[in-house]
Amino acid sequence: MTDTQHEWVCAHCGFTASDKFEGDICPTCGLTYWKCAECGFLITASVPPDVCPECHAKCEFKNVTCYTPECGGTGNIDPRL
């Protein structure tokens, strides 16, 4: 059995932590990447908007920030989401 330690990296500022960010928000920059479930528009903000700036619909936004090395770490959006 191997002991694998994951690092959580903010895709916006590069801050790295040994544990998941509380509320999935980076404690350094306070920003996260959000993707509109309707049109796929990406936005960086501390919280997602109620209405998508691209499709102008009231949409659900998913947190797609990359937090692990498996999806590329700093500066990347998690392609699995």
PDB file of N, CA and C in Angstrom:
ATOM      1  N   MET A   1       0.845  -1.171   0.000  1.00  0.00           N
ATOM      2  CA  MET A   1       0.000   0.000   0.000  1.00  0.00           C
ATOM      3  C   MET A   1       0.893   1.237   0.000  1.00  0.00           C
ATOM      4  N   THR A   2       0.582   2.171  -0.872  1.00  0.00           N
ATOM      5  CA  THR A   2       1.366   3.401  -0.928  1.00  0.00           C
ATOM      6  C   THR A   2       0.589   4.545  -0.310  1.00  0.00           C
ATOM      7  N   ASP A   3       1.323   5.451   0.275  1.00  0.00           N
ATOM      8  CA  ASP A   3       0.726   6.628   0.883  1.00  0.00           C
ATOM      9  C   ASP A   3       0.875   7.781  -0.095  1.00  0.00           C
ATOM     10  N   THR A   4      -0.236   8.230  -0.708  1.00  0.00           N
ATOM     11  CA  THR A   4      -0.203   9.299  -1.674  1.00  0.00           C
ATOM     12  C   THR A   4      -0.758  10.563  -1.045  1.00  0.00           C
ATOM     13  N   GLN A   5       0.043  11.616  -1.071  1.00  0.00           N
ATOM     14  CA  GLN A   5      -0.401  12.893  -0.538  1.00  0.00           C
ATOM     15  C   GLN A   5      -0.770  13.800  -1.701  1.00  0.00           C
ATOM     16  N   HIS A   6      -1.980  14.346  -1.656  1.00  0.00           N
ATOM     17  CA  HIS A   6      -2.439  15.257  -2.699  1.00  0.00           C
ATOM     18  C   HIS A   6      -2.179  16.687  -2.274  1.00  0.00           C
ATOM     19  N   GLU A   7      -1.869  17.523  -3.244  1.00  0.00           N
ATOM     20  CA  GLU A   7      -1.763  18.948  -3.009  1.00  0.00           C
ATOM     21  C   GLU A   7      -2.931  19.608  -3.724  1.00  0.00           C
ATOM     22  N   TRP A   8      -3.500  20.624  -3.124  1.00  0.00           N
ATOM     23  CA  TRP A   8      -4.602  21.376  -3.703  1.00  0.00           C
ATOM     24  C   TRP A   8      -4.023  22.709  -4.160  1.00  0.00           C
ATOM     25  N   VAL A   9      -4.166  23.010  -5.450  1.00  0.00           N
ATOM     26  CA  VAL A   9      -3.563  24.189  -6.042  1.00  0.00           C
ATOM     27  C   VAL A   9      -4.650  25.074  -6.641  1.00  0.00           C
ATOM     28  N   CYS A  10      -4.603  26.360  -6.320  1.00  0.00           N
ATOM     29  CA  CYS A  10      -5.541  27.320  -6.900  1.00  0.00           C
ATOM     30  C   CYS A  10      -5.161  27.548  -8.360  1.00  0.00           C
ATOM     31  N   ALA A  11      -6.125  27.383  -9.258  1.00  0.00           N
ATOM     32  CA  ALA A  11      -5.859  27.568 -10.680  1.00  0.00           C
ATOM     33  C   ALA A  11      -5.683  29.039 -11.037  1.00  0.00           C
ATOM     34  N   HIS A  12      -6.074  29.925 -10.158  1.00  0.00           N
ATOM     35  CA  HIS A  12      -5.958  31.354 -10.457  1.00  0.00           C
ATOM     36  C   HIS A  12      -4.626  31.930  -9.988  1.00  0.00           C
ATOM     37  N   CYS A  13      -4.277  31.710  -8.705  1.00  0.00           N
ATOM     38  CA  CYS A  13      -3.071  32.362  -8.163  1.00  0.00           C
ATOM     39  C   CYS A  13      -1.920  31.396  -7.876  1.00  0.00           C
ATOM     40  N   GLY A  14      -2.193  30.075  -7.900  1.00  0.00           N
ATOM     41  CA  GLY A  14      -1.137  29.100  -7.670  1.00  0.00           C
ATOM     42  C   GLY A  14      -0.914  28.712  -6.221  1.00  0.00           C
ATOM     43  N   PHE A  15      -1.703  29.262  -5.289  1.00  0.00           N
ATOM     44  CA  PHE A  15      -1.577  28.896  -3.881  1.00  0.00           C
ATOM     45  C   PHE A  15      -1.745  27.391  -3.728  1.00  0.00           C
ATOM     46  N   THR A  16      -0.865  26.756  -2.946  1.00  0.00           N
ATOM     47  CA  THR A  16      -0.887  25.316  -2.748  1.00  0.00           C
ATOM     48  C   THR A  16      -1.137  24.997  -1.281  1.00  0.00           C
ATOM     49  N   ALA A  17      -1.999  24.009  -1.040  1.00  0.00           N
ATOM     50  CA  ALA A  17      -2.299  23.569   0.319  1.00  0.00           C
ATOM     51  C   ALA A  17      -2.314  22.050   0.347  1.00  0.00           C
ATOM     52  N   SER A  18      -2.115  21.481   1.524  1.00  0.00           N
ATOM     53  CA  SER A  18      -2.106  20.024   1.653  1.00  0.00           C
ATOM     54  C   SER A  18      -3.512  19.470   1.867  1.00  0.00           C
ATOM     55  N   ASP A  19      -4.492  20.342   2.038  1.00  0.00           N
ATOM     56  CA  ASP A  19      -5.871  19.917   2.245  1.00  0.00           C
ATOM     57  C   ASP A  19      -6.774  20.746   1.340  1.00  0.00           C
ATOM     58  N   LYS A  20      -7.968  20.238   1.064  1.00  0.00           N
ATOM     59  CA  LYS A  20      -8.926  20.918   0.199  1.00  0.00           C
ATOM     60  C   LYS A  20      -9.268  22.293   0.772  1.00  0.00           C
ATOM     61  N   PHE A  21      -9.456  23.265  -0.120  1.00  0.00           N
ATOM     62  CA  PHE A  21      -9.814  24.612   0.314  1.00  0.00           C
ATOM     63  C   PHE A  21     -11.207  24.604   0.922  1.00  0.00           C
ATOM     64  N   GLU A  22     -11.378  25.311   2.020  1.00  0.00           N
ATOM     65  CA  GLU A  22     -12.682  25.390   2.680  1.00  0.00           C
ATOM     66  C   GLU A  22     -13.669  26.064   1.727  1.00  0.00           C
ATOM     67  N   GLY A  23     -14.786  25.387   1.480  1.00  0.00           N
ATOM     68  CA  GLY A  23     -15.788  25.918   0.561  1.00  0.00           C
ATOM     69  C   GLY A  23     -15.333  25.964  -0.877  1.00  0.00           C
ATOM     70  N   ASP A  24     -14.247  25.253  -1.218  1.00  0.00           N
ATOM     71  CA  ASP A  24     -13.664  25.243  -2.562  1.00  0.00           C
ATOM     72  C   ASP A  24     -13.219  26.619  -3.031  1.00  0.00           C
ATOM     73  N   ILE A  25     -12.930  27.524  -2.096  1.00  0.00           N
ATOM     74  CA  ILE A  25     -12.470  28.865  -2.446  1.00  0.00           C
ATOM     75  C   ILE A  25     -11.055  29.046  -1.930  1.00  0.00           C
ATOM     76  N   CYS A  26     -10.176  29.513  -2.783  1.00  0.00           N
ATOM     77  CA  CYS A  26      -8.778  29.732  -2.417  1.00  0.00           C
ATOM     78  C   CYS A  26      -8.682  30.743  -1.281  1.00  0.00           C
ATOM     79  N   PRO A  27      -7.959  30.409  -0.201  1.00  0.00           N
ATOM     80  CA  PRO A  27      -7.821  31.340   0.910  1.00  0.00           C
ATOM     81  C   PRO A  27      -6.914  32.531   0.602  1.00  0.00           C
ATOM     82  N   THR A  28      -6.140  32.465  -0.469  1.00  0.00           N
ATOM     83  CA  THR A  28      -5.246  33.560  -0.822  1.00  0.00           C
ATOM     84  C   THR A  28      -5.936  34.591  -1.718  1.00  0.00           C
ATOM     85  N   CYS A  29      -6.472  34.158  -2.844  1.00  0.00           N
ATOM     86  CA  CYS A  29      -7.076  35.112  -3.784  1.00  0.00           C
ATOM     87  C   CYS A  29      -8.593  35.178  -3.661  1.00  0.00           C
ATOM     88  N   GLY A  30      -9.203  34.149  -3.044  1.00  0.00           N
ATOM     89  CA  GLY A  30     -10.651  34.144  -2.869  1.00  0.00           C
ATOM     90  C   GLY A  30     -11.427  33.871  -4.137  1.00  0.00           C
ATOM     91  N   LEU A  31     -10.715  33.460  -5.197  1.00  0.00           N
ATOM     92  CA  LEU A  31     -11.393  33.236  -6.469  1.00  0.00           C
ATOM     93  C   LEU A  31     -11.396  31.769  -6.860  1.00  0.00           C
ATOM     94  N   THR A  32     -12.333  31.412  -7.688  1.00  0.00           N
ATOM     95  CA  THR A  32     -12.440  30.069  -8.195  1.00  0.00           C
ATOM     96  C   THR A  32     -12.972  30.132  -9.622  1.00  0.00           C
ATOM     97  N   TYR A  33     -12.782  29.069 -10.406  1.00  0.00           N
ATOM     98  CA  TYR A  33     -13.299  29.021 -11.768  1.00  0.00           C
ATOM     99  C   TYR A  33     -14.686  28.392 -11.762  1.00  0.00           C
ATOM    100  N   TRP A  34     -15.640  29.060 -12.421  1.00  0.00           N
ATOM    101  CA  TRP A  34     -17.023  28.584 -12.504  1.00  0.00           C
ATOM    102  C   TRP A  34     -17.400  28.408 -13.971  1.00  0.00           C
ATOM    103  N   LYS A  35     -18.190  27.342 -14.263  1.00  0.00           N
ATOM    104  CA  LYS A  35     -18.619  27.053 -15.629  1.00  0.00           C
ATOM    105  C   LYS A  35     -20.136  26.983 -15.675  1.00  0.00           C
ATOM    106  N   CYS A  36     -20.744  27.733 -16.596  1.00  0.00           N
ATOM    107  CA  CYS A  36     -22.197  27.734 -16.762  1.00  0.00           C
ATOM    108  C   CYS A  36     -22.658  26.370 -17.262  1.00  0.00           C
ATOM    109  N   ALA A  37     -23.643  25.787 -16.601  1.00  0.00           N
ATOM    110  CA  ALA A  37     -24.152  24.466 -16.981  1.00  0.00           C
ATOM    111  C   ALA A  37     -24.928  24.512 -18.299  1.00  0.00           C
ATOM    112  N   GLU A  38     -25.388  25.697 -18.706  1.00  0.00           N
ATOM    113  CA  GLU A  38     -26.160  25.837 -19.949  1.00  0.00           C
ATOM    114  C   GLU A  38     -25.266  25.997 -21.179  1.00  0.00           C
ATOM    115  N   CYS A  39     -24.388  27.008 -21.140  1.00  0.00           N
ATOM    116  CA  CYS A  39     -23.614  27.337 -22.345  1.00  0.00           C
ATOM    117  C   CYS A  39     -22.115  27.048 -22.228  1.00  0.00           C
ATOM    118  N   GLY A  40     -21.633  26.721 -21.023  1.00  0.00           N
ATOM    119  CA  GLY A  40     -20.224  26.408 -20.840  1.00  0.00           C
ATOM    120  C   GLY A  40     -19.331  27.616 -20.626  1.00  0.00           C
ATOM    121  N   PHE A  41     -19.905  28.810 -20.482  1.00  0.00           N
ATOM    122  CA  PHE A  41     -19.124  30.025 -20.251  1.00  0.00           C
ATOM    123  C   PHE A  41     -18.330  29.897 -18.959  1.00  0.00           C
ATOM    124  N   LEU A  42     -17.057  30.295 -18.987  1.00  0.00           N
ATOM    125  CA  LEU A  42     -16.187  30.235 -17.809  1.00  0.00           C
ATOM    126  C   LEU A  42     -16.014  31.619 -17.214  1.00  0.00           C
ATOM    127  N   ILE A  43     -16.055  31.699 -15.892  1.00  0.00           N
ATOM    128  CA  ILE A  43     -15.870  32.960 -15.191  1.00  0.00           C
ATOM    129  C   ILE A  43     -15.027  32.699 -13.951  1.00  0.00           C
ATOM    130  N   THR A  44     -14.221  33.672 -13.555  1.00  0.00           N
ATOM    131  CA  THR A  44     -13.429  33.581 -12.336  1.00  0.00           C
ATOM    132  C   THR A  44     -14.017  34.572 -11.342  1.00  0.00           C
ATOM    133  N   ALA A  45     -14.453  34.065 -10.192  1.00  0.00           N
ATOM    134  CA  ALA A  45     -15.065  34.913  -9.171  1.00  0.00           C
ATOM    135  C   ALA A  45     -15.064  34.174  -7.848  1.00  0.00           C
ATOM    136  N   SER A  46     -15.302  34.914  -6.765  1.00  0.00           N
ATOM    137  CA  SER A  46     -15.378  34.247  -5.465  1.00  0.00           C
ATOM    138  C   SER A  46     -16.679  33.471  -5.334  1.00  0.00           C
ATOM    139  N   VAL A  47     -17.741  33.959  -5.948  1.00  0.00           N
ATOM    140  CA  VAL A  47     -19.021  33.249  -6.006  1.00  0.00           C
ATOM    141  C   VAL A  47     -19.557  33.394  -7.425  1.00  0.00           C
ATOM    142  N   PRO A  48     -20.310  32.404  -7.911  1.00  0.00           N
ATOM    143  CA  PRO A  48     -20.836  32.509  -9.268  1.00  0.00           C
ATOM    144  C   PRO A  48     -21.992  33.496  -9.335  1.00  0.00           C
ATOM    145  N   PRO A  49     -22.225  34.085 -10.512  1.00  0.00           N
ATOM    146  CA  PRO A  49     -23.351  35.005 -10.658  1.00  0.00           C
ATOM    147  C   PRO A  49     -24.677  34.251 -10.702  1.00  0.00           C
ATOM    148  N   ASP A  50     -25.773  34.960 -10.469  1.00  0.00           N
ATOM    149  CA  ASP A  50     -27.098  34.345 -10.568  1.00  0.00           C
ATOM    150  C   ASP A  50     -27.519  34.167 -12.022  1.00  0.00           C
ATOM    151  N   VAL A  51     -27.087  35.103 -12.864  1.00  0.00           N
ATOM    152  CA  VAL A  51     -27.412  35.068 -14.285  1.00  0.00           C
ATOM    153  C   VAL A  51     -26.113  35.021 -15.074  1.00  0.00           C
ATOM    154  N   CYS A  52     -26.037  34.120 -16.039  1.00  0.00           N
ATOM    155  CA  CYS A  52     -24.831  33.975 -16.853  1.00  0.00           C
ATOM    156  C   CYS A  52     -24.623  35.215 -17.719  1.00  0.00           C
ATOM    157  N   PRO A  53     -23.411  35.796 -17.693  1.00  0.00           N
ATOM    158  CA  PRO A  53     -23.123  36.967 -18.521  1.00  0.00           C
ATOM    159  C   PRO A  53     -23.108  36.660 -20.019  1.00  0.00           C
ATOM    160  N   GLU A  54     -22.972  35.392 -20.384  1.00  0.00           N
ATOM    161  CA  GLU A  54     -22.891  35.009 -21.795  1.00  0.00           C
ATOM    162  C   GLU A  54     -24.259  34.674 -22.389  1.00  0.00           C
ATOM    163  N   CYS A  55     -24.984  33.740 -21.768  1.00  0.00           N
ATOM    164  CA  CYS A  55     -26.277  33.310 -22.330  1.00  0.00           C
ATOM    165  C   CYS A  55     -27.462  34.035 -21.691  1.00  0.00           C
ATOM    166  N   HIS A  56     -27.204  34.813 -20.655  1.00  0.00           N
ATOM    167  CA  HIS A  56     -28.208  35.641 -19.968  1.00  0.00           C
ATOM    168  C   HIS A  56     -29.346  34.837 -19.346  1.00  0.00           C
ATOM    169  N   ALA A  57     -29.098  33.561 -19.078  1.00  0.00           N
ATOM    170  CA  ALA A  57     -30.084  32.718 -18.421  1.00  0.00           C
ATOM    171  C   ALA A  57     -29.709  32.537 -16.954  1.00  0.00           C
ATOM    172  N   LYS A  58     -30.705  32.248 -16.143  1.00  0.00           N
ATOM    173  CA  LYS A  58     -30.432  31.935 -14.741  1.00  0.00           C
ATOM    174  C   LYS A  58     -29.962  30.481 -14.727  1.00  0.00           C
ATOM    175  N   CYS A  59     -28.661  30.280 -14.556  1.00  0.00           N
ATOM    176  CA  CYS A  59     -28.051  28.960 -14.715  1.00  0.00           C
ATOM    177  C   CYS A  59     -27.370  28.512 -13.431  1.00  0.00           C
ATOM    178  N   GLU A  60     -27.156  27.211 -13.360  1.00  0.00           N
ATOM    179  CA  GLU A  60     -26.331  26.654 -12.302  1.00  0.00           C
ATOM    180  C   GLU A  60     -24.886  26.732 -12.783  1.00  0.00           C
ATOM    181  N   PHE A  61     -23.989  27.183 -11.919  1.00  0.00           N
ATOM    182  CA  PHE A  61     -22.560  27.222 -12.239  1.00  0.00           C
ATOM    183  C   PHE A  61     -21.850  26.132 -11.452  1.00  0.00           C
ATOM    184  N   LYS A  62     -20.969  25.384 -12.136  1.00  0.00           N
ATOM    185  CA  LYS A  62     -20.175  24.345 -11.489  1.00  0.00           C
ATOM    186  C   LYS A  62     -18.774  24.866 -11.216  1.00  0.00           C
ATOM    187  N   ASN A  63     -18.238  24.498 -10.059  1.00  0.00           N
ATOM    188  CA  ASN A  63     -16.854  24.825  -9.727  1.00  0.00           C
ATOM    189  C   ASN A  63     -15.965  23.889 -10.535  1.00  0.00           C
ATOM    190  N   VAL A  64     -15.183  24.429 -11.461  1.00  0.00           N
ATOM    191  CA  VAL A  64     -14.315  23.612 -12.316  1.00  0.00           C
ATOM    192  C   VAL A  64     -12.836  23.923 -12.097  1.00  0.00           C
ATOM    193  N   THR A  65     -12.513  24.518 -10.956  1.00  0.00           N
ATOM    194  CA  THR A  65     -11.127  24.832 -10.635  1.00  0.00           C
ATOM    195  C   THR A  65     -10.331  23.552 -10.441  1.00  0.00           C
ATOM    196  N   CYS A  66      -9.122  23.515 -10.981  1.00  0.00           N
ATOM    197  CA  CYS A  66      -8.235  22.368 -10.804  1.00  0.00           C
ATOM    198  C   CYS A  66      -7.561  22.473  -9.439  1.00  0.00           C
ATOM    199  N   TYR A  67      -7.761  21.472  -8.603  1.00  0.00           N
ATOM    200  CA  TYR A  67      -7.166  21.461  -7.270  1.00  0.00           C
ATOM    201  C   TYR A  67      -6.109  20.370  -7.088  1.00  0.00           C
ATOM    202  N   THR A  68      -5.975  19.486  -8.070  1.00  0.00           N
ATOM    203  CA  THR A  68      -5.055  18.362  -7.905  1.00  0.00           C
ATOM    204  C   THR A  68      -4.055  18.283  -9.064  1.00  0.00           C
ATOM    205  N   PRO A  69      -2.922  17.673  -8.831  1.00  0.00           N
ATOM    206  CA  PRO A  69      -1.924  17.534  -9.898  1.00  0.00           C
ATOM    207  C   PRO A  69      -2.436  16.714 -11.086  1.00  0.00           C
ATOM    208  N   GLU A  70      -3.406  15.829 -10.869  1.00  0.00           N
ATOM    209  CA  GLU A  70      -3.919  14.982 -11.942  1.00  0.00           C
ATOM    210  C   GLU A  70      -4.527  15.784 -13.090  1.00  0.00           C
ATOM    211  N   CYS A  71      -5.040  16.959 -12.798  1.00  0.00           N
ATOM    212  CA  CYS A  71      -5.632  17.759 -13.873  1.00  0.00           C
ATOM    213  C   CYS A  71      -4.746  18.934 -14.267  1.00  0.00           C
ATOM    214  N   GLY A  72      -3.514  18.940 -13.835  1.00  0.00           N
ATOM    215  CA  GLY A  72      -2.555  19.925 -14.304  1.00  0.00           C
ATOM    216  C   GLY A  72      -2.147  20.989 -13.319  1.00  0.00           C
ATOM    217  N   GLY A  73      -2.878  21.117 -12.219  1.00  0.00           N
ATOM    218  CA  GLY A  73      -2.489  22.097 -11.207  1.00  0.00           C
ATOM    219  C   GLY A  73      -2.700  23.535 -11.632  1.00  0.00           C
ATOM    220  N   THR A  74      -1.822  24.381 -11.182  1.00  0.00           N
ATOM    221  CA  THR A  74      -1.937  25.827 -11.352  1.00  0.00           C
ATOM    222  C   THR A  74      -2.270  26.243 -12.779  1.00  0.00           C
ATOM    223  N   GLY A  75      -3.247  27.129 -12.893  1.00  0.00           N
ATOM    224  CA  GLY A  75      -3.604  27.698 -14.190  1.00  0.00           C
ATOM    225  C   GLY A  75      -4.481  26.827 -15.054  1.00  0.00           C
ATOM    226  N   ASN A  76      -4.992  25.734 -14.521  1.00  0.00           N
ATOM    227  CA  ASN A  76      -5.803  24.812 -15.309  1.00  0.00           C
ATOM    228  C   ASN A  76      -7.204  24.672 -14.771  1.00  0.00           C
ATOM    229  N   ILE A  77      -8.086  24.340 -15.676  1.00  0.00           N
ATOM    230  CA  ILE A  77      -9.466  24.018 -15.325  1.00  0.00           C
ATOM    231  C   ILE A  77      -9.565  22.501 -15.387  1.00  0.00           C
ATOM    232  N   ASP A  78     -10.274  21.929 -14.424  1.00  0.00           N
ATOM    233  CA  ASP A  78     -10.385  20.474 -14.349  1.00  0.00           C
ATOM    234  C   ASP A  78     -11.204  19.960 -15.538  1.00  0.00           C
ATOM    235  N   PRO A  79     -10.609  19.239 -16.482  1.00  0.00           N
ATOM    236  CA  PRO A  79     -11.328  18.768 -17.672  1.00  0.00           C
ATOM    237  C   PRO A  79     -12.357  17.690 -17.382  1.00  0.00           C
ATOM    238  N   ARG A  80     -12.314  17.124 -16.207  1.00  0.00           N
ATOM    239  CA  ARG A  80     -13.277  16.073 -15.849  1.00  0.00           C
ATOM    240  C   ARG A  80     -14.636  16.651 -15.514  1.00  0.00           C
ATOM    241  N   LEU A  81     -14.687  17.976 -15.314  1.00  0.00           N
ATOM    242  CA  LEU A  81     -15.940  18.616 -14.904  1.00  0.00           C
ATOM    243  C   LEU A  81     -16.609  19.362 -16.025  1.00  0.00           C
TER     244      LEU A  81
END
